[in-house]
Structures are given as C-alpha cells and as structure tokens.
Amino acid sequence: MADPYNGKNGEAKIMLGFIVRRCAAELGHTPTPDEFAAWANRQRQNGRSYCLFGKEISPSVAKVMFSQPG
C-alpha cells in the first residue's frame, strides 16, 4: 500500500485534486477554504451524515491542503 505521507507519492495529491473538483462541481465554482471545509464536513449518504476526511477539518486545514503543489 502506498504511504500517503511520502512526499514522492503523487497518489494522495491526485485523490485530493479529485475531491476538490467534486466539491467545485457541486458548488458551481472553485471553493474557498471555508466552503471546502464546510462541504467536506457535512457529507450525506443513505440518510447518514459523515465527514469526508474521517473528522472535521477547519478552514485553516483546507487552506494548507490547497497550498500543496500538485
């Protein structure tokens, strides 16, 4: 299994890019860190809510995610 913390591994960056694009498609524009955090923290499936990253993220964490190259 690939190590998502390995700086040489692009898989985690590809997945994050996919998630940001999915958010943008649902919002209709490129999300701000505030919008992305709110969107990621309130996903729903089969009538249940969940956080996309397993726990809530803050807008400051979303900003760090956006600043990562790739």
PDB file of N, CA and C in Angstrom:
ATOM      1  N   MET A   1       0.839  -1.176   0.000  1.00  0.00           N
ATOM      2  CA  MET A   1       0.000   0.000   0.000  1.00  0.00           C
ATOM      3  C   MET A   1       0.884   1.239   0.000  1.00  0.00           C
ATOM      4  N   ALA A   2       0.478   2.252  -0.708  1.00  0.00           N
ATOM      5  CA  ALA A   2       1.249   3.483  -0.807  1.00  0.00           C
ATOM      6  C   ALA A   2       1.164   4.280   0.490  1.00  0.00           C
ATOM      7  N   ASP A   3       2.262   4.913   0.851  1.00  0.00           N
ATOM      8  CA  ASP A   3       2.314   5.746   2.049  1.00  0.00           C
ATOM      9  C   ASP A   3       1.872   7.161   1.684  1.00  0.00           C
ATOM     10  N   PRO A   4       0.715   7.623   2.183  1.00  0.00           N
ATOM     11  CA  PRO A   4       0.234   8.951   1.803  1.00  0.00           C
ATOM     12  C   PRO A   4       1.102  10.076   2.338  1.00  0.00           C
ATOM     13  N   TYR A   5       1.988   9.789   3.293  1.00  0.00           N
ATOM     14  CA  TYR A   5       2.849  10.814   3.858  1.00  0.00           C
ATOM     15  C   TYR A   5       4.179  10.908   3.133  1.00  0.00           C
ATOM     16  N   ASN A   6       4.411  10.047   2.162  1.00  0.00           N
ATOM     17  CA  ASN A   6       5.646  10.050   1.400  1.00  0.00           C
ATOM     18  C   ASN A   6       5.575  11.174   0.376  1.00  0.00           C
ATOM     19  N   GLY A   7       6.494  12.136   0.468  1.00  0.00           N
ATOM     20  CA  GLY A   7       6.488  13.281  -0.427  1.00  0.00           C
ATOM     21  C   GLY A   7       6.680  12.913  -1.888  1.00  0.00           C
ATOM     22  N   LYS A   8       7.205  11.728  -2.174  1.00  0.00           N
ATOM     23  CA  LYS A   8       7.427  11.306  -3.551  1.00  0.00           C
ATOM     24  C   LYS A   8       6.203  10.631  -4.140  1.00  0.00           C
ATOM     25  N   ASN A   9       5.173  10.451  -3.336  1.00  0.00           N
ATOM     26  CA  ASN A   9       3.985   9.733  -3.782  1.00  0.00           C
ATOM     27  C   ASN A   9       2.928  10.729  -4.232  1.00  0.00           C
ATOM     28  N   GLY A  10       2.508  10.637  -5.486  1.00  0.00           N
ATOM     29  CA  GLY A  10       1.510  11.557  -6.001  1.00  0.00           C
ATOM     30  C   GLY A  10       0.084  11.090  -5.836  1.00  0.00           C
ATOM     31  N   GLU A  11      -0.124   9.860  -5.331  1.00  0.00           N
ATOM     32  CA  GLU A  11      -1.484   9.326  -5.228  1.00  0.00           C
ATOM     33  C   GLU A  11      -2.362  10.160  -4.311  1.00  0.00           C
ATOM     34  N   ALA A  12      -1.854  10.579  -3.175  1.00  0.00           N
ATOM     35  CA  ALA A  12      -2.647  11.381  -2.235  1.00  0.00           C
ATOM     36  C   ALA A  12      -3.021  12.714  -2.858  1.00  0.00           C
ATOM     37  N   LYS A  13      -2.100  13.304  -3.621  1.00  0.00           N
ATOM     38  CA  LYS A  13      -2.384  14.580  -4.279  1.00  0.00           C
ATOM     39  C   LYS A  13      -3.447  14.410  -5.350  1.00  0.00           C
ATOM     40  N   ILE A  14      -3.416  13.299  -6.065  1.00  0.00           N
ATOM     41  CA  ILE A  14      -4.425  13.034  -7.090  1.00  0.00           C
ATOM     42  C   ILE A  14      -5.788  12.896  -6.432  1.00  0.00           C
ATOM     43  N   MET A  15      -5.845  12.176  -5.323  1.00  0.00           N
ATOM     44  CA  MET A  15      -7.121  11.996  -4.628  1.00  0.00           C
ATOM     45  C   MET A  15      -7.642  13.326  -4.111  1.00  0.00           C
ATOM     46  N   LEU A  16      -6.775  14.167  -3.545  1.00  0.00           N
ATOM     47  CA  LEU A  16      -7.217  15.466  -3.054  1.00  0.00           C
ATOM     48  C   LEU A  16      -7.724  16.320  -4.210  1.00  0.00           C
ATOM     49  N   GLY A  17      -7.034  16.274  -5.333  1.00  0.00           N
ATOM     50  CA  GLY A  17      -7.488  17.016  -6.509  1.00  0.00           C
ATOM     51  C   GLY A  17      -8.860  16.561  -6.963  1.00  0.00           C
ATOM     52  N   PHE A  18      -9.097  15.264  -6.947  1.00  0.00           N
ATOM     53  CA  PHE A  18     -10.404  14.724  -7.319  1.00  0.00           C
ATOM     54  C   PHE A  18     -11.479  15.231  -6.367  1.00  0.00           C
ATOM     55  N   ILE A  19     -11.183  15.237  -5.068  1.00  0.00           N
ATOM     56  CA  ILE A  19     -12.154  15.686  -4.064  1.00  0.00           C
ATOM     57  C   ILE A  19     -12.459  17.169  -4.245  1.00  0.00           C
ATOM     58  N   VAL A  20     -11.443  17.986  -4.483  1.00  0.00           N
ATOM     59  CA  VAL A  20     -11.665  19.420  -4.685  1.00  0.00           C
ATOM     60  C   VAL A  20     -12.497  19.649  -5.942  1.00  0.00           C
ATOM     61  N   ARG A  21     -12.227  18.899  -7.011  1.00  0.00           N
ATOM     62  CA  ARG A  21     -13.018  19.047  -8.242  1.00  0.00           C
ATOM     63  C   ARG A  21     -14.467  18.637  -8.020  1.00  0.00           C
ATOM     64  N   ARG A  22     -14.683  17.594  -7.226  1.00  0.00           N
ATOM     65  CA  ARG A  22     -16.051  17.165  -6.915  1.00  0.00           C
ATOM     66  C   ARG A  22     -16.785  18.253  -6.137  1.00  0.00           C
ATOM     67  N   CYS A  23     -16.105  18.867  -5.190  1.00  0.00           N
ATOM     68  CA  CYS A  23     -16.687  19.972  -4.430  1.00  0.00           C
ATOM     69  C   CYS A  23     -17.020  21.130  -5.366  1.00  0.00           C
ATOM     70  N   ALA A  24     -16.091  21.486  -6.240  1.00  0.00           N
ATOM     71  CA  ALA A  24     -16.310  22.587  -7.177  1.00  0.00           C
ATOM     72  C   ALA A  24     -17.506  22.313  -8.080  1.00  0.00           C
ATOM     73  N   ALA A  25     -17.644  21.071  -8.524  1.00  0.00           N
ATOM     74  CA  ALA A  25     -18.780  20.718  -9.384  1.00  0.00           C
ATOM     75  C   ALA A  25     -20.098  20.886  -8.635  1.00  0.00           C
ATOM     76  N   GLU A  26     -20.127  20.497  -7.374  1.00  0.00           N
ATOM     77  CA  GLU A  26     -21.360  20.626  -6.589  1.00  0.00           C
ATOM     78  C   GLU A  26     -21.671  22.076  -6.250  1.00  0.00           C
ATOM     79  N   LEU A  27     -20.644  22.889  -5.992  1.00  0.00           N
ATOM     80  CA  LEU A  27     -20.859  24.299  -5.658  1.00  0.00           C
ATOM     81  C   LEU A  27     -21.063  25.163  -6.897  1.00  0.00           C
ATOM     82  N   GLY A  28     -20.504  24.724  -8.018  1.00  0.00           N
ATOM     83  CA  GLY A  28     -20.603  25.503  -9.244  1.00  0.00           C
ATOM     84  C   GLY A  28     -19.464  26.493  -9.421  1.00  0.00           C
ATOM     85  N   HIS A  29     -18.465  26.438  -8.556  1.00  0.00           N
ATOM     86  CA  HIS A  29     -17.282  27.300  -8.657  1.00  0.00           C
ATOM     87  C   HIS A  29     -16.164  26.710  -7.797  1.00  0.00           C
ATOM     88  N   THR A  30     -14.955  27.220  -8.001  1.00  0.00           N
ATOM     89  CA  THR A  30     -13.827  26.767  -7.187  1.00  0.00           C
ATOM     90  C   THR A  30     -14.080  27.177  -5.739  1.00  0.00           C
ATOM     91  N   PRO A  31     -13.997  26.234  -4.804  1.00  0.00           N
ATOM     92  CA  PRO A  31     -14.324  26.563  -3.417  1.00  0.00           C
ATOM     93  C   PRO A  31     -13.234  27.368  -2.715  1.00  0.00           C
ATOM     94  N   THR A  32     -13.676  28.188  -1.785  1.00  0.00           N
ATOM     95  CA  THR A  32     -12.739  28.838  -0.866  1.00  0.00           C
ATOM     96  C   THR A  32     -12.414  27.808   0.218  1.00  0.00           C
ATOM     97  N   PRO A  33     -11.371  28.029   1.002  1.00  0.00           N
ATOM     98  CA  PRO A  33     -11.106  27.097   2.107  1.00  0.00           C
ATOM     99  C   PRO A  33     -12.301  26.952   3.055  1.00  0.00           C
ATOM    100  N   ASP A  34     -13.008  28.048   3.325  1.00  0.00           N
ATOM    101  CA  ASP A  34     -14.192  27.983   4.195  1.00  0.00           C
ATOM    102  C   ASP A  34     -15.270  27.094   3.584  1.00  0.00           C
ATOM    103  N   GLU A  35     -15.531  27.279   2.294  1.00  0.00           N
ATOM    104  CA  GLU A  35     -16.555  26.478   1.615  1.00  0.00           C
ATOM    105  C   GLU A  35     -16.153  25.010   1.546  1.00  0.00           C
ATOM    106  N   PHE A  36     -14.875  24.758   1.260  1.00  0.00           N
ATOM    107  CA  PHE A  36     -14.414  23.380   1.153  1.00  0.00           C
ATOM    108  C   PHE A  36     -14.525  22.659   2.490  1.00  0.00           C
ATOM    109  N   ALA A  37     -14.118  23.319   3.575  1.00  0.00           N
ATOM    110  CA  ALA A  37     -14.204  22.702   4.901  1.00  0.00           C
ATOM    111  C   ALA A  37     -15.657  22.398   5.249  1.00  0.00           C
ATOM    112  N   ALA A  38     -16.548  23.351   5.016  1.00  0.00           N
ATOM    113  CA  ALA A  38     -17.968  23.131   5.320  1.00  0.00           C
ATOM    114  C   ALA A  38     -18.520  21.985   4.486  1.00  0.00           C
ATOM    115  N   TRP A  39     -18.173  21.941   3.210  1.00  0.00           N
ATOM    116  CA  TRP A  39     -18.654  20.887   2.315  1.00  0.00           C
ATOM    117  C   TRP A  39     -18.122  19.522   2.764  1.00  0.00           C
ATOM    118  N   ALA A  40     -16.826  19.441   3.059  1.00  0.00           N
ATOM    119  CA  ALA A  40     -16.213  18.164   3.454  1.00  0.00           C
ATOM    120  C   ALA A  40     -16.748  17.663   4.793  1.00  0.00           C
ATOM    121  N   ASN A  41     -17.129  18.571   5.652  1.00  0.00           N
ATOM    122  CA  ASN A  41     -17.590  18.193   6.990  1.00  0.00           C
ATOM    123  C   ASN A  41     -19.059  17.793   7.038  1.00  0.00           C
ATOM    124  N   ARG A  42     -19.807  17.995   5.955  1.00  0.00           N
ATOM    125  CA  ARG A  42     -21.239  17.685   6.006  1.00  0.00           C
ATOM    126  C   ARG A  42     -21.711  16.841   4.820  1.00  0.00           C
ATOM    127  N   GLN A  43     -21.022  15.769   4.564  1.00  0.00           N
ATOM    128  CA  GLN A  43     -21.437  14.839   3.513  1.00  0.00           C
ATOM    129  C   GLN A  43     -22.572  13.955   4.019  1.00  0.00           C
ATOM    130  N   ARG A  44     -23.414  13.503   3.094  1.00  0.00           N
ATOM    131  CA  ARG A  44     -24.526  12.623   3.460  1.00  0.00           C
ATOM    132  C   ARG A  44     -24.593  11.463   2.475  1.00  0.00           C
ATOM    133  N   GLN A  45     -24.924  10.295   3.005  1.00  0.00           N
ATOM    134  CA  GLN A  45     -25.120   9.109   2.175  1.00  0.00           C
ATOM    135  C   GLN A  45     -26.094   8.196   2.897  1.00  0.00           C
ATOM    136  N   ASN A  46     -27.101   7.746   2.169  1.00  0.00           N
ATOM    137  CA  ASN A  46     -28.118   6.851   2.733  1.00  0.00           C
ATOM    138  C   ASN A  46     -28.732   7.412   4.016  1.00  0.00           C
ATOM    139  N   GLY A  47     -28.978   8.723   4.029  1.00  0.00           N
ATOM    140  CA  GLY A  47     -29.607   9.350   5.179  1.00  0.00           C
ATOM    141  C   GLY A  47     -28.704   9.584   6.372  1.00  0.00           C
ATOM    142  N   ARG A  48     -27.432   9.286   6.227  1.00  0.00           N
ATOM    143  CA  ARG A  48     -26.484   9.469   7.339  1.00  0.00           C
ATOM    144  C   ARG A  48     -25.461  10.530   6.964  1.00  0.00           C
ATOM    145  N   SER A  49     -25.036  11.311   7.939  1.00  0.00           N
ATOM    146  CA  SER A  49     -24.007  12.308   7.664  1.00  0.00           C
ATOM    147  C   SER A  49     -22.643  11.818   8.144  1.00  0.00           C
ATOM    148  N   TYR A  50     -21.624  12.306   7.473  1.00  0.00           N
ATOM    149  CA  TYR A  50     -20.254  11.931   7.827  1.00  0.00           C
ATOM    150  C   TYR A  50     -19.292  13.011   7.360  1.00  0.00           C
ATOM    151  N   CYS A  51     -18.103  12.989   7.910  1.00  0.00           N
ATOM    152  CA  CYS A  51     -17.033  13.898   7.498  1.00  0.00           C
ATOM    153  C   CYS A  51     -16.183  13.172   6.458  1.00  0.00           C
ATOM    154  N   LEU A  52     -15.939  13.828   5.358  1.00  0.00           N
ATOM    155  CA  LEU A  52     -15.228  13.204   4.243  1.00  0.00           C
ATOM    156  C   LEU A  52     -13.828  12.722   4.628  1.00  0.00           C
ATOM    157  N   PHE A  53     -13.162  13.410   5.534  1.00  0.00           N
ATOM    158  CA  PHE A  53     -11.802  13.041   5.925  1.00  0.00           C
ATOM    159  C   PHE A  53     -11.766  12.262   7.237  1.00  0.00           C
ATOM    160  N   GLY A  54     -12.903  11.762   7.689  1.00  0.00           N
ATOM    161  CA  GLY A  54     -12.962  10.967   8.909  1.00  0.00           C
ATOM    162  C   GLY A  54     -13.183  11.789  10.163  1.00  0.00           C
ATOM    163  N   LYS A  55     -12.867  13.058  10.103  1.00  0.00           N
ATOM    164  CA  LYS A  55     -13.135  14.001  11.189  1.00  0.00           C
ATOM    165  C   LYS A  55     -13.258  15.378  10.554  1.00  0.00           C
ATOM    166  N   GLU A  56     -13.815  16.315  11.315  1.00  0.00           N
ATOM    167  CA  GLU A  56     -13.985  17.662  10.770  1.00  0.00           C
ATOM    168  C   GLU A  56     -12.633  18.307  10.490  1.00  0.00           C
ATOM    169  N   ILE A  57     -12.603  19.086   9.412  1.00  0.00           N
ATOM    170  CA  ILE A  57     -11.419  19.886   9.113  1.00  0.00           C
ATOM    171  C   ILE A  57     -11.809  21.356   9.252  1.00  0.00           C
ATOM    172  N   SER A  58     -10.842  22.174   9.579  1.00  0.00           N
ATOM    173  CA  SER A  58     -11.079  23.607   9.718  1.00  0.00           C
ATOM    174  C   SER A  58     -10.749  24.301   8.398  1.00  0.00           C
ATOM    175  N   PRO A  59     -11.229  25.528   8.222  1.00  0.00           N
ATOM    176  CA  PRO A  59     -10.838  26.280   7.033  1.00  0.00           C
ATOM    177  C   PRO A  59      -9.321  26.455   6.932  1.00  0.00           C
ATOM    178  N   SER A  60      -8.628  26.557   8.067  1.00  0.00           N
ATOM    179  CA  SER A  60      -7.165  26.705   8.005  1.00  0.00           C
ATOM    180  C   SER A  60      -6.501  25.426   7.499  1.00  0.00           C
ATOM    181  N   VAL A  61      -7.045  24.266   7.851  1.00  0.00           N
ATOM    182  CA  VAL A  61      -6.525  22.996   7.323  1.00  0.00           C
ATOM    183  C   VAL A  61      -6.806  22.920   5.820  1.00  0.00           C
ATOM    184  N   ALA A  62      -7.994  23.337   5.409  1.00  0.00           N
ATOM    185  CA  ALA A  62      -8.328  23.345   3.979  1.00  0.00           C
ATOM    186  C   ALA A  62      -7.374  24.264   3.221  1.00  0.00           C
ATOM    187  N   LYS A  63      -7.034  25.399   3.813  1.00  0.00           N
ATOM    188  CA  LYS A  63      -6.103  26.329   3.169  1.00  0.00           C
ATOM    189  C   LYS A  63      -4.738  25.674   2.971  1.00  0.00           C
ATOM    190  N   VAL A  64      -4.272  24.928   3.971  1.00  0.00           N
ATOM    191  CA  VAL A  64      -2.996  24.210   3.849  1.00  0.00           C
ATOM    192  C   VAL A  64      -3.096  23.171   2.736  1.00  0.00           C
ATOM    193  N   MET A  65      -4.218  22.448   2.666  1.00  0.00           N
ATOM    194  CA  MET A  65      -4.412  21.455   1.596  1.00  0.00           C
ATOM    195  C   MET A  65      -4.321  22.121   0.229  1.00  0.00           C
ATOM    196  N   PHE A  66      -4.952  23.282   0.085  1.00  0.00           N
ATOM    197  CA  PHE A  66      -4.946  23.990  -1.194  1.00  0.00           C
ATOM    198  C   PHE A  66      -3.557  24.489  -1.565  1.00  0.00           C
ATOM    199  N   SER A  67      -2.719  24.752  -0.574  1.00  0.00           N
ATOM    200  CA  SER A  67      -1.396  25.315  -0.856  1.00  0.00           C
ATOM    201  C   SER A  67      -0.380  24.261  -1.280  1.00  0.00           C
ATOM    202  N   GLN A  68      -0.730  22.984  -1.160  1.00  0.00           N
ATOM    203  CA  GLN A  68       0.192  21.917  -1.535  1.00  0.00           C
ATOM    204  C   GLN A  68       0.302  21.836  -3.058  1.00  0.00           C
ATOM    205  N   PRO A  69       1.511  21.835  -3.589  1.00  0.00           N
ATOM    206  CA  PRO A  69       1.657  21.736  -5.044  1.00  0.00           C
ATOM    207  C   PRO A  69       1.161  20.391  -5.564  1.00  0.00           C
ATOM    208  N   GLY A  70       0.680  20.405  -6.783  1.00  0.00           N
ATOM    209  CA  GLY A  70       0.231  19.162  -7.391  1.00  0.00           C
ATOM    210  C   GLY A  70      -1.127  19.271  -7.777  1.00  0.00           C
TER     211      GLY A  70
END
